[in-house]
Amino acid sequence: MRTLFLPGYGASGRLYATGLGPGWRALDPPPFHETRGAFLAYERWLTAEVDRSAEPAWLAGHSMGGALAILAAVARPAAIARLTLISPAGLPLRKPITASIAEFVRQTARGRYDMREVVDGLSDALRAPRAALRLARSVRSLDLGPQMRKLRRLGIPTEVVGCTSDTLVTPDHCVTAARLLGASYREVQLPGGHMWMLEAWPQLAELL
């Protein structure tokens, strides 16, 4: 079984590679300028990745990656063996974009991000700022309730993971998603908010 990890908004697979267990491969989503910020382009990208092999896949995804994993499972149910959704987007988010940017700046100042990751991410966003904003707005407004209910009927084993300190994809958000999906739910009690795994890589590996 293939084990594929889907990064969150604006992140590369490299950011998460430290916390993945043996055999896991973190995918690199296409950059903003290639997709023009269209969420549908990311759906198509992931569907193409799933279609590369007839071997079933276990998809794990963080934030936007979780939403994409849901859509891939609905589109290709026979190709998906299991889902692990970590603070998944997919229901409307309330935290303002400006607050999320401010939190990213604080985390960067504390050295929580590898500077190469920061430089690459900012370069991509600055190259296509309208596309980056378009995608951010699309992810914030996603309502995959119908797709979640369909996935529940498909019966693909699914786990949703929330974090008590996450103020973007809150525990309540994750509990609602788990209920709609018919998924099991696990909650980690860690600091770090939406990006808790940056200081808790062993805990991420334990989930996979």
N, C-alpha and C. Protein backbone atom coordinates (compact mmCIF):
# COMPACT_ATOMS: atom_id res chain seq x y z
N MET A 1 0.84 -1.19 0.00
CA MET A 1 0.00 0.00 0.00
C MET A 1 0.88 1.25 0.00
N ARG A 2 0.56 2.17 -0.88
CA ARG A 2 1.28 3.44 -0.90
C ARG A 2 0.83 4.30 0.27
N THR A 3 1.77 5.02 0.86
CA THR A 3 1.45 5.93 1.96
C THR A 3 1.90 7.33 1.56
N LEU A 4 0.93 8.21 1.36
CA LEU A 4 1.19 9.53 0.80
C LEU A 4 0.70 10.61 1.76
N PHE A 5 1.55 11.61 2.00
CA PHE A 5 1.20 12.71 2.91
C PHE A 5 1.00 13.99 2.11
N LEU A 6 -0.09 14.69 2.43
CA LEU A 6 -0.46 15.91 1.71
C LEU A 6 -0.26 17.13 2.61
N PRO A 7 0.61 18.06 2.23
CA PRO A 7 0.89 19.23 3.07
C PRO A 7 -0.28 20.19 3.15
N GLY A 8 -0.19 21.10 4.10
CA GLY A 8 -1.16 22.17 4.23
C GLY A 8 -0.90 23.30 3.24
N TYR A 9 -1.74 24.31 3.30
CA TYR A 9 -1.68 25.45 2.39
C TYR A 9 -0.28 26.08 2.37
N GLY A 10 0.25 26.24 1.16
CA GLY A 10 1.51 26.94 0.96
C GLY A 10 2.75 26.20 1.42
N ALA A 11 2.61 24.98 1.91
CA ALA A 11 3.76 24.24 2.44
C ALA A 11 4.24 23.19 1.44
N SER A 12 5.48 22.84 1.56
CA SER A 12 6.05 21.78 0.73
C SER A 12 6.06 20.47 1.52
N GLY A 13 6.27 19.39 0.80
CA GLY A 13 6.41 18.10 1.48
C GLY A 13 7.61 18.07 2.39
N ARG A 14 8.63 18.84 2.05
CA ARG A 14 9.87 18.87 2.84
C ARG A 14 9.60 19.31 4.29
N LEU A 15 8.64 20.21 4.49
CA LEU A 15 8.36 20.70 5.82
C LEU A 15 7.97 19.58 6.77
N TYR A 16 7.23 18.59 6.26
CA TYR A 16 6.70 17.53 7.10
C TYR A 16 7.57 16.27 7.12
N ALA A 17 8.57 16.22 6.25
CA ALA A 17 9.32 14.98 6.06
C ALA A 17 9.94 14.46 7.36
N THR A 18 10.35 15.38 8.24
CA THR A 18 10.99 14.98 9.50
C THR A 18 10.07 14.13 10.36
N GLY A 19 8.76 14.38 10.29
CA GLY A 19 7.84 13.71 11.17
C GLY A 19 7.12 12.51 10.60
N LEU A 20 7.48 12.10 9.40
CA LEU A 20 6.79 10.98 8.77
C LEU A 20 7.51 9.67 9.08
N GLY A 21 6.72 8.64 9.24
CA GLY A 21 7.29 7.34 9.51
C GLY A 21 7.91 6.70 8.29
N PRO A 22 8.55 5.54 8.46
CA PRO A 22 9.16 4.83 7.34
C PRO A 22 8.13 4.51 6.26
N GLY A 23 8.53 4.72 5.03
CA GLY A 23 7.68 4.39 3.90
C GLY A 23 6.77 5.50 3.43
N TRP A 24 6.64 6.55 4.22
CA TRP A 24 5.77 7.65 3.84
C TRP A 24 6.47 8.58 2.85
N ARG A 25 5.70 9.08 1.89
CA ARG A 25 6.22 10.05 0.93
C ARG A 25 5.36 11.30 0.98
N ALA A 26 5.99 12.42 1.27
CA ALA A 26 5.28 13.69 1.30
C ALA A 26 5.25 14.27 -0.11
N LEU A 27 4.07 14.57 -0.59
CA LEU A 27 3.92 15.13 -1.93
C LEU A 27 4.15 16.64 -1.92
N ASP A 28 4.59 17.16 -3.05
CA ASP A 28 4.77 18.59 -3.22
C ASP A 28 3.69 19.13 -4.14
N PRO A 29 2.70 19.86 -3.60
CA PRO A 29 1.66 20.44 -4.46
C PRO A 29 2.25 21.44 -5.45
N PRO A 30 1.58 21.67 -6.55
CA PRO A 30 2.08 22.65 -7.52
C PRO A 30 2.06 24.05 -6.93
N PRO A 31 2.96 24.93 -7.39
CA PRO A 31 3.03 26.29 -6.85
C PRO A 31 1.84 27.15 -7.29
N PHE A 32 1.67 28.24 -6.57
CA PHE A 32 0.53 29.13 -6.84
C PHE A 32 0.48 29.61 -8.28
N HIS A 33 1.65 29.96 -8.83
CA HIS A 33 1.64 30.55 -10.17
C HIS A 33 1.22 29.54 -11.24
N GLU A 34 1.41 28.26 -10.97
CA GLU A 34 1.00 27.26 -11.95
C GLU A 34 -0.51 27.00 -11.91
N THR A 35 -1.08 27.08 -10.73
CA THR A 35 -2.51 26.78 -10.57
C THR A 35 -3.39 28.02 -10.63
N ARG A 36 -2.75 29.21 -10.57
CA ARG A 36 -3.48 30.48 -10.49
C ARG A 36 -4.41 30.52 -9.27
N GLY A 37 -4.08 29.70 -8.30
CA GLY A 37 -4.84 29.70 -7.06
C GLY A 37 -6.17 28.99 -7.14
N ALA A 38 -6.41 28.23 -8.19
CA ALA A 38 -7.69 27.52 -8.34
C ALA A 38 -7.66 26.23 -7.54
N PHE A 39 -8.56 26.10 -6.59
CA PHE A 39 -8.58 24.89 -5.76
C PHE A 39 -8.81 23.65 -6.62
N LEU A 40 -9.60 23.80 -7.67
CA LEU A 40 -9.87 22.67 -8.56
C LEU A 40 -8.58 22.13 -9.17
N ALA A 41 -7.61 23.00 -9.41
CA ALA A 41 -6.34 22.55 -9.98
C ALA A 41 -5.61 21.62 -9.01
N TYR A 42 -5.73 21.87 -7.72
CA TYR A 42 -5.11 20.99 -6.73
C TYR A 42 -5.86 19.67 -6.62
N GLU A 43 -7.17 19.72 -6.77
CA GLU A 43 -7.95 18.46 -6.81
C GLU A 43 -7.48 17.59 -7.97
N ARG A 44 -7.34 18.21 -9.13
CA ARG A 44 -6.92 17.46 -10.32
C ARG A 44 -5.50 16.93 -10.15
N TRP A 45 -4.65 17.74 -9.56
CA TRP A 45 -3.26 17.30 -9.32
C TRP A 45 -3.24 16.04 -8.46
N LEU A 46 -4.01 16.03 -7.37
CA LEU A 46 -3.99 14.88 -6.48
C LEU A 46 -4.63 13.66 -7.14
N THR A 47 -5.70 13.86 -7.87
CA THR A 47 -6.33 12.74 -8.57
C THR A 47 -5.33 12.09 -9.52
N ALA A 48 -4.55 12.92 -10.21
CA ALA A 48 -3.52 12.39 -11.12
C ALA A 48 -2.46 11.61 -10.36
N GLU A 49 -2.09 12.09 -9.17
CA GLU A 49 -1.12 11.36 -8.34
C GLU A 49 -1.66 10.00 -7.93
N VAL A 50 -2.93 9.97 -7.52
CA VAL A 50 -3.56 8.72 -7.11
C VAL A 50 -3.61 7.74 -8.27
N ASP A 51 -3.87 8.27 -9.46
CA ASP A 51 -4.01 7.43 -10.65
C ASP A 51 -2.69 6.89 -11.19
N ARG A 52 -1.56 7.35 -10.63
CA ARG A 52 -0.26 6.91 -11.14
C ARG A 52 0.00 5.43 -10.91
N SER A 53 -0.72 4.84 -9.96
CA SER A 53 -0.49 3.44 -9.63
C SER A 53 -1.81 2.76 -9.32
N ALA A 54 -1.88 1.46 -9.62
CA ALA A 54 -3.07 0.69 -9.29
C ALA A 54 -3.06 0.25 -7.83
N GLU A 55 -1.94 0.47 -7.15
CA GLU A 55 -1.84 0.07 -5.75
C GLU A 55 -2.65 1.03 -4.87
N PRO A 56 -3.49 0.52 -3.98
CA PRO A 56 -4.28 1.39 -3.10
C PRO A 56 -3.39 2.30 -2.26
N ALA A 57 -3.92 3.45 -1.89
CA ALA A 57 -3.15 4.44 -1.14
C ALA A 57 -3.78 4.74 0.21
N TRP A 58 -2.93 4.92 1.19
CA TRP A 58 -3.34 5.51 2.46
C TRP A 58 -2.94 6.97 2.38
N LEU A 59 -3.92 7.85 2.39
CA LEU A 59 -3.67 9.28 2.31
C LEU A 59 -3.76 9.90 3.70
N ALA A 60 -2.73 10.64 4.06
CA ALA A 60 -2.76 11.46 5.27
C ALA A 60 -2.59 12.90 4.82
N GLY A 61 -3.35 13.81 5.42
CA GLY A 61 -3.25 15.20 5.00
C GLY A 61 -3.45 16.15 6.15
N HIS A 62 -2.72 17.25 6.11
CA HIS A 62 -2.85 18.30 7.12
C HIS A 62 -3.54 19.51 6.52
N SER A 63 -4.56 20.01 7.19
CA SER A 63 -5.23 21.25 6.80
C SER A 63 -5.80 21.15 5.38
N MET A 64 -5.31 21.96 4.45
CA MET A 64 -5.79 21.87 3.07
C MET A 64 -5.55 20.48 2.51
N GLY A 65 -4.46 19.85 2.91
CA GLY A 65 -4.18 18.49 2.46
C GLY A 65 -5.24 17.51 2.88
N GLY A 66 -5.83 17.74 4.06
CA GLY A 66 -6.92 16.88 4.51
C GLY A 66 -8.15 17.03 3.64
N ALA A 67 -8.47 18.27 3.27
CA ALA A 67 -9.62 18.50 2.39
C ALA A 67 -9.40 17.84 1.04
N LEU A 68 -8.19 17.95 0.52
CA LEU A 68 -7.89 17.32 -0.77
C LEU A 68 -7.99 15.80 -0.67
N ALA A 69 -7.57 15.24 0.46
CA ALA A 69 -7.66 13.78 0.64
C ALA A 69 -9.11 13.33 0.62
N ILE A 70 -10.00 14.09 1.23
CA ILE A 70 -11.43 13.76 1.22
C ILE A 70 -11.95 13.73 -0.21
N LEU A 71 -11.61 14.75 -0.98
CA LEU A 71 -12.10 14.83 -2.36
C LEU A 71 -11.52 13.71 -3.22
N ALA A 72 -10.27 13.36 -3.00
CA ALA A 72 -9.66 12.27 -3.77
C ALA A 72 -10.34 10.94 -3.46
N ALA A 73 -10.70 10.74 -2.19
CA ALA A 73 -11.35 9.50 -1.80
C ALA A 73 -12.75 9.39 -2.39
N VAL A 74 -13.45 10.51 -2.49
CA VAL A 74 -14.77 10.51 -3.11
C VAL A 74 -14.66 10.26 -4.61
N ALA A 75 -13.63 10.85 -5.23
CA ALA A 75 -13.45 10.70 -6.68
C ALA A 75 -12.92 9.32 -7.07
N ARG A 76 -12.07 8.73 -6.21
CA ARG A 76 -11.43 7.45 -6.52
C ARG A 76 -11.53 6.50 -5.33
N PRO A 77 -12.73 6.14 -4.91
CA PRO A 77 -12.87 5.33 -3.69
C PRO A 77 -12.17 3.99 -3.76
N ALA A 78 -12.12 3.38 -4.93
CA ALA A 78 -11.47 2.07 -5.04
C ALA A 78 -9.95 2.17 -4.87
N ALA A 79 -9.41 3.37 -5.04
CA ALA A 79 -7.96 3.56 -4.97
C ALA A 79 -7.48 3.98 -3.59
N ILE A 80 -8.40 4.29 -2.68
CA ILE A 80 -8.03 4.79 -1.36
C ILE A 80 -8.37 3.76 -0.30
N ALA A 81 -7.36 3.32 0.42
CA ALA A 81 -7.55 2.29 1.45
C ALA A 81 -7.85 2.87 2.82
N ARG A 82 -7.35 4.09 3.07
CA ARG A 82 -7.46 4.65 4.42
C ARG A 82 -7.16 6.14 4.37
N LEU A 83 -7.74 6.90 5.31
CA LEU A 83 -7.49 8.33 5.41
C LEU A 83 -7.13 8.70 6.85
N THR A 84 -6.13 9.56 7.00
CA THR A 84 -5.82 10.19 8.28
C THR A 84 -5.82 11.70 8.04
N LEU A 85 -6.75 12.39 8.66
CA LEU A 85 -6.98 13.81 8.40
C LEU A 85 -6.60 14.61 9.64
N ILE A 86 -5.53 15.37 9.53
CA ILE A 86 -4.99 16.11 10.67
C ILE A 86 -5.41 17.57 10.56
N SER A 87 -6.25 18.00 11.50
CA SER A 87 -6.82 19.35 11.46
C SER A 87 -7.25 19.71 10.04
N PRO A 88 -8.15 18.91 9.47
CA PRO A 88 -8.48 19.10 8.05
C PRO A 88 -9.35 20.32 7.78
N ALA A 89 -9.03 21.05 6.73
CA ALA A 89 -9.97 22.04 6.19
C ALA A 89 -11.12 21.26 5.57
N GLY A 90 -12.15 22.00 5.15
CA GLY A 90 -13.27 21.31 4.52
C GLY A 90 -14.62 21.81 5.01
N LEU A 91 -14.58 22.57 6.10
CA LEU A 91 -15.76 23.28 6.60
C LEU A 91 -15.35 24.74 6.78
N PRO A 92 -16.28 25.69 6.67
CA PRO A 92 -15.91 27.11 6.72
C PRO A 92 -15.10 27.47 7.97
N LEU A 93 -14.03 28.24 7.76
CA LEU A 93 -13.14 28.65 8.84
C LEU A 93 -13.43 30.11 9.21
N ARG A 94 -13.32 30.42 10.50
CA ARG A 94 -13.68 31.75 10.99
C ARG A 94 -12.49 32.64 11.30
N LYS A 95 -11.34 32.05 11.55
CA LYS A 95 -10.18 32.86 11.93
C LYS A 95 -9.76 33.75 10.76
N PRO A 96 -9.63 35.06 10.97
CA PRO A 96 -9.26 35.97 9.88
C PRO A 96 -7.89 35.62 9.28
N ILE A 97 -7.76 35.85 7.98
CA ILE A 97 -6.49 35.60 7.31
C ILE A 97 -5.37 36.41 7.96
N THR A 98 -5.67 37.66 8.34
CA THR A 98 -4.65 38.51 8.96
C THR A 98 -4.13 37.90 10.26
N ALA A 99 -5.02 37.26 11.02
CA ALA A 99 -4.58 36.63 12.27
C ALA A 99 -3.69 35.44 11.98
N SER A 100 -3.99 34.69 10.93
CA SER A 100 -3.15 33.54 10.56
C SER A 100 -1.78 34.01 10.10
N ILE A 101 -1.72 35.12 9.36
CA ILE A 101 -0.44 35.67 8.91
C ILE A 101 0.39 36.12 10.10
N ALA A 102 -0.27 36.79 11.05
CA ALA A 102 0.44 37.26 12.24
C ALA A 102 1.02 36.09 13.04
N GLU A 103 0.26 35.00 13.12
CA GLU A 103 0.75 33.82 13.85
C GLU A 103 1.95 33.21 13.12
N PHE A 104 1.90 33.18 11.78
CA PHE A 104 3.03 32.67 11.00
C PHE A 104 4.28 33.51 11.25
N VAL A 105 4.11 34.83 11.29
CA VAL A 105 5.26 35.72 11.52
C VAL A 105 5.85 35.45 12.90
N ARG A 106 5.00 35.29 13.91
CA ARG A 106 5.50 35.01 15.27
C ARG A 106 6.25 33.68 15.32
N GLN A 107 5.69 32.67 14.67
CA GLN A 107 6.35 31.36 14.68
C GLN A 107 7.68 31.40 13.95
N THR A 108 7.73 32.16 12.86
CA THR A 108 8.97 32.30 12.11
C THR A 108 10.03 33.00 12.96
N ALA A 109 9.62 34.05 13.68
CA ALA A 109 10.55 34.80 14.53
C ALA A 109 11.10 33.91 15.65
N ARG A 110 10.31 32.93 16.08
CA ARG A 110 10.76 32.02 17.14
C ARG A 110 11.62 30.90 16.59
N GLY A 111 11.80 30.86 15.27
CA GLY A 111 12.64 29.83 14.67
C GLY A 111 11.97 28.49 14.49
N ARG A 112 10.64 28.47 14.46
CA ARG A 112 9.93 27.19 14.35
C ARG A 112 9.98 26.65 12.93
N TYR A 113 10.18 27.52 11.95
CA TYR A 113 10.24 27.08 10.56
C TYR A 113 11.68 27.08 10.06
N ASP A 114 11.99 26.10 9.26
CA ASP A 114 13.26 26.10 8.54
C ASP A 114 13.27 27.30 7.59
N MET A 115 14.34 28.09 7.61
CA MET A 115 14.35 29.33 6.84
C MET A 115 14.28 29.07 5.33
N ARG A 116 14.78 27.95 4.89
CA ARG A 116 14.66 27.63 3.46
C ARG A 116 13.20 27.46 3.09
N GLU A 117 12.43 26.83 3.99
CA GLU A 117 11.00 26.67 3.75
C GLU A 117 10.30 28.02 3.71
N VAL A 118 10.69 28.92 4.61
CA VAL A 118 10.08 30.26 4.65
C VAL A 118 10.38 31.02 3.37
N VAL A 119 11.65 31.01 2.96
CA VAL A 119 12.06 31.74 1.76
C VAL A 119 11.35 31.20 0.53
N ASP A 120 11.30 29.88 0.40
CA ASP A 120 10.65 29.28 -0.76
C ASP A 120 9.16 29.60 -0.78
N GLY A 121 8.51 29.51 0.39
CA GLY A 121 7.09 29.79 0.46
C GLY A 121 6.77 31.23 0.14
N LEU A 122 7.55 32.16 0.70
CA LEU A 122 7.32 33.57 0.42
C LEU A 122 7.60 33.91 -1.03
N SER A 123 8.63 33.30 -1.59
CA SER A 123 8.95 33.55 -3.00
C SER A 123 7.80 33.12 -3.91
N ASP A 124 7.21 31.98 -3.60
CA ASP A 124 6.09 31.48 -4.39
C ASP A 124 4.90 32.42 -4.26
N ALA A 125 4.61 32.87 -3.02
CA ALA A 125 3.48 33.76 -2.80
C ALA A 125 3.70 35.13 -3.46
N LEU A 126 4.92 35.64 -3.39
CA LEU A 126 5.21 36.95 -3.97
C LEU A 126 5.21 36.89 -5.50
N ARG A 127 5.53 35.74 -6.04
CA ARG A 127 5.50 35.59 -7.50
C ARG A 127 4.07 35.63 -8.03
N ALA A 128 3.13 35.15 -7.23
CA ALA A 128 1.73 35.12 -7.67
C ALA A 128 0.83 35.46 -6.48
N PRO A 129 0.87 36.71 -5.99
CA PRO A 129 0.12 37.06 -4.78
C PRO A 129 -1.39 36.91 -4.93
N ARG A 130 -1.90 37.23 -6.10
CA ARG A 130 -3.35 37.10 -6.30
C ARG A 130 -3.77 35.63 -6.25
N ALA A 131 -2.96 34.78 -6.82
CA ALA A 131 -3.26 33.34 -6.80
C ALA A 131 -3.20 32.81 -5.38
N ALA A 132 -2.19 33.25 -4.60
CA ALA A 132 -2.06 32.80 -3.22
C ALA A 132 -3.27 33.22 -2.40
N LEU A 133 -3.72 34.47 -2.59
CA LEU A 133 -4.89 34.96 -1.86
C LEU A 133 -6.15 34.25 -2.31
N ARG A 134 -6.28 34.01 -3.60
CA ARG A 134 -7.46 33.31 -4.11
C ARG A 134 -7.57 31.92 -3.49
N LEU A 135 -6.44 31.21 -3.42
CA LEU A 135 -6.48 29.87 -2.85
C LEU A 135 -6.79 29.92 -1.36
N ALA A 136 -6.19 30.88 -0.65
CA ALA A 136 -6.45 31.00 0.78
C ALA A 136 -7.94 31.23 1.04
N ARG A 137 -8.55 32.09 0.27
CA ARG A 137 -9.97 32.37 0.44
C ARG A 137 -10.82 31.14 0.10
N SER A 138 -10.42 30.41 -0.92
CA SER A 138 -11.16 29.20 -1.30
C SER A 138 -11.12 28.16 -0.19
N VAL A 139 -9.94 27.96 0.40
CA VAL A 139 -9.79 26.96 1.45
C VAL A 139 -10.60 27.37 2.68
N ARG A 140 -10.59 28.66 3.00
CA ARG A 140 -11.34 29.14 4.17
C ARG A 140 -12.84 28.94 4.01
N SER A 141 -13.34 29.02 2.80
CA SER A 141 -14.79 28.97 2.58
C SER A 141 -15.29 27.57 2.18
N LEU A 142 -14.41 26.60 2.13
CA LEU A 142 -14.82 25.26 1.72
C LEU A 142 -15.95 24.72 2.60
N ASP A 143 -16.91 24.09 1.98
CA ASP A 143 -17.94 23.37 2.71
C ASP A 143 -18.13 22.02 2.04
N LEU A 144 -17.39 21.04 2.53
CA LEU A 144 -17.41 19.70 1.95
C LEU A 144 -18.38 18.78 2.68
N GLY A 145 -19.37 19.36 3.34
CA GLY A 145 -20.34 18.53 4.05
C GLY A 145 -20.94 17.44 3.18
N PRO A 146 -21.42 17.75 1.96
CA PRO A 146 -21.97 16.70 1.11
C PRO A 146 -20.96 15.61 0.76
N GLN A 147 -19.73 16.02 0.47
CA GLN A 147 -18.69 15.04 0.15
C GLN A 147 -18.34 14.19 1.37
N MET A 148 -18.35 14.80 2.54
CA MET A 148 -18.07 14.04 3.76
C MET A 148 -19.14 12.99 4.01
N ARG A 149 -20.39 13.35 3.79
CA ARG A 149 -21.48 12.38 3.97
C ARG A 149 -21.36 11.24 2.96
N LYS A 150 -20.97 11.59 1.73
CA LYS A 150 -20.80 10.55 0.72
C LYS A 150 -19.66 9.61 1.10
N LEU A 151 -18.59 10.18 1.61
CA LEU A 151 -17.44 9.37 2.03
C LEU A 151 -17.84 8.45 3.17
N ARG A 152 -18.69 8.93 4.06
CA ARG A 152 -19.18 8.07 5.14
C ARG A 152 -19.90 6.85 4.58
N ARG A 153 -20.72 7.07 3.55
CA ARG A 153 -21.45 5.95 2.95
C ARG A 153 -20.51 4.97 2.25
N LEU A 154 -19.38 5.47 1.75
CA LEU A 154 -18.42 4.61 1.06
C LEU A 154 -17.69 3.68 2.03
N GLY A 155 -17.62 4.07 3.29
CA GLY A 155 -17.05 3.18 4.30
C GLY A 155 -15.53 3.07 4.32
N ILE A 156 -14.83 4.05 3.77
CA ILE A 156 -13.36 4.03 3.82
C ILE A 156 -12.91 4.37 5.24
N PRO A 157 -12.06 3.53 5.86
CA PRO A 157 -11.61 3.82 7.23
C PRO A 157 -10.95 5.19 7.31
N THR A 158 -11.45 6.01 8.23
CA THR A 158 -11.00 7.39 8.33
C THR A 158 -10.82 7.79 9.78
N GLU A 159 -9.73 8.50 10.05
CA GLU A 159 -9.49 9.07 11.37
C GLU A 159 -9.26 10.57 11.23
N VAL A 160 -9.88 11.34 12.11
CA VAL A 160 -9.68 12.79 12.17
C VAL A 160 -8.92 13.10 13.45
N VAL A 161 -7.90 13.95 13.33
CA VAL A 161 -7.08 14.34 14.48
C VAL A 161 -7.18 15.84 14.69
N GLY A 162 -7.59 16.24 15.88
CA GLY A 162 -7.63 17.65 16.25
C GLY A 162 -6.58 17.96 17.29
N CYS A 163 -6.36 19.26 17.52
CA CYS A 163 -5.40 19.69 18.54
C CYS A 163 -6.05 20.74 19.43
N THR A 164 -5.89 20.61 20.73
CA THR A 164 -6.56 21.49 21.68
C THR A 164 -6.13 22.95 21.54
N SER A 165 -4.94 23.22 21.03
CA SER A 165 -4.45 24.60 20.92
C SER A 165 -4.69 25.21 19.54
N ASP A 166 -5.32 24.48 18.65
CA ASP A 166 -5.53 24.95 17.27
C ASP A 166 -6.69 25.95 17.24
N THR A 167 -6.41 27.18 16.82
CA THR A 167 -7.45 28.21 16.73
C THR A 167 -7.89 28.45 15.29
N LEU A 168 -7.32 27.73 14.34
CA LEU A 168 -7.75 27.85 12.94
C LEU A 168 -8.74 26.73 12.62
N VAL A 169 -8.25 25.50 12.61
CA VAL A 169 -9.14 24.34 12.47
C VAL A 169 -9.32 23.80 13.89
N THR A 170 -10.32 24.33 14.56
CA THR A 170 -10.49 24.09 15.99
C THR A 170 -10.92 22.66 16.29
N PRO A 171 -10.79 22.23 17.55
CA PRO A 171 -11.30 20.91 17.91
C PRO A 171 -12.78 20.73 17.57
N ASP A 172 -13.60 21.77 17.78
CA ASP A 172 -15.02 21.66 17.42
C ASP A 172 -15.20 21.40 15.93
N HIS A 173 -14.41 22.09 15.12
CA HIS A 173 -14.43 21.88 13.67
C HIS A 173 -14.10 20.42 13.35
N CYS A 174 -13.06 19.91 14.00
CA CYS A 174 -12.62 18.53 13.73
C CYS A 174 -13.65 17.51 14.18
N VAL A 175 -14.29 17.76 15.32
CA VAL A 175 -15.32 16.85 15.82
C VAL A 175 -16.50 16.81 14.84
N THR A 176 -16.88 17.99 14.32
CA THR A 176 -17.97 18.04 13.34
C THR A 176 -17.60 17.28 12.08
N ALA A 177 -16.37 17.47 11.61
CA ALA A 177 -15.92 16.75 10.42
C ALA A 177 -15.94 15.24 10.65
N ALA A 178 -15.48 14.82 11.82
CA ALA A 178 -15.46 13.38 12.13
C ALA A 178 -16.88 12.81 12.14
N ARG A 179 -17.81 13.58 12.69
CA ARG A 179 -19.20 13.11 12.73
C ARG A 179 -19.77 12.97 11.31
N LEU A 180 -19.52 13.97 10.47
CA LEU A 180 -20.02 13.91 9.10
C LEU A 180 -19.39 12.76 8.32
N LEU A 181 -18.14 12.48 8.60
CA LEU A 181 -17.40 11.43 7.90
C LEU A 181 -17.66 10.04 8.46
N GLY A 182 -18.25 9.98 9.65
CA GLY A 182 -18.36 8.69 10.32
C GLY A 182 -17.00 8.17 10.72
N ALA A 183 -16.09 9.09 11.05
CA ALA A 183 -14.69 8.75 11.33
C ALA A 183 -14.45 8.63 12.83
N SER A 184 -13.38 7.96 13.18
CA SER A 184 -12.91 7.99 14.56
C SER A 184 -12.23 9.33 14.79
N TYR A 185 -12.18 9.76 16.05
CA TYR A 185 -11.61 11.06 16.36
C TYR A 185 -10.57 10.92 17.46
N ARG A 186 -9.46 11.61 17.26
CA ARG A 186 -8.40 11.63 18.27
C ARG A 186 -7.99 13.09 18.47
N GLU A 187 -7.69 13.44 19.71
CA GLU A 187 -7.31 14.82 20.00
C GLU A 187 -5.97 14.84 20.72
N VAL A 188 -5.04 15.64 20.22
CA VAL A 188 -3.74 15.77 20.87
C VAL A 188 -3.74 17.05 21.71
N GLN A 189 -3.16 16.97 22.87
CA GLN A 189 -3.09 18.11 23.79
C GLN A 189 -1.67 18.65 23.77
N LEU A 190 -1.42 19.52 22.80
CA LEU A 190 -0.08 20.05 22.59
C LEU A 190 -0.14 21.54 22.29
N PRO A 191 0.91 22.28 22.62
CA PRO A 191 0.98 23.68 22.21
C PRO A 191 1.33 23.77 20.73
N GLY A 192 1.32 24.97 20.20
CA GLY A 192 1.76 25.16 18.82
C GLY A 192 0.65 25.44 17.85
N GLY A 193 -0.61 25.33 18.30
CA GLY A 193 -1.72 25.68 17.44
C GLY A 193 -1.84 24.79 16.21
N HIS A 194 -2.16 25.42 15.09
CA HIS A 194 -2.42 24.68 13.87
C HIS A 194 -1.18 23.93 13.37
N MET A 195 -0.01 24.44 13.72
CA MET A 195 1.25 23.82 13.28
C MET A 195 1.94 23.13 14.45
N TRP A 196 1.16 22.46 15.30
CA TRP A 196 1.72 21.82 16.49
C TRP A 196 2.82 20.83 16.17
N MET A 197 2.75 20.21 15.01
CA MET A 197 3.72 19.16 14.69
C MET A 197 5.15 19.69 14.52
N LEU A 198 5.32 20.99 14.32
CA LEU A 198 6.66 21.53 14.15
C LEU A 198 7.53 21.32 15.38
N GLU A 199 6.90 21.20 16.53
CA GLU A 199 7.65 20.95 17.77
C GLU A 199 7.31 19.59 18.36
N ALA A 200 6.63 18.76 17.57
CA ALA A 200 6.22 17.45 18.11
C ALA A 200 6.23 16.41 17.00
N TRP A 201 7.36 16.31 16.31
CA TRP A 201 7.44 15.36 15.20
C TRP A 201 7.19 13.91 15.63
N PRO A 202 7.68 13.47 16.79
CA PRO A 202 7.39 12.08 17.19
C PRO A 202 5.89 11.80 17.31
N GLN A 203 5.14 12.79 17.78
CA GLN A 203 3.69 12.60 17.90
C GLN A 203 3.04 12.49 16.54
N LEU A 204 3.53 13.22 15.55
CA LEU A 204 2.99 13.09 14.20
C LEU A 204 3.27 11.70 13.67
N ALA A 205 4.49 11.22 13.86
CA ALA A 205 4.86 9.89 13.37
C ALA A 205 3.98 8.81 14.00
N GLU A 206 3.60 9.00 15.27
CA GLU A 206 2.77 8.01 15.96
C GLU A 206 1.37 7.91 15.34
N LEU A 207 0.93 8.99 14.70
CA LEU A 207 -0.40 8.99 14.09
C LEU A 207 -0.43 8.23 12.77
N LEU A 208 0.74 7.98 12.20
CA LEU A 208 0.80 7.43 10.85
C LEU A 208 1.28 5.98 10.86
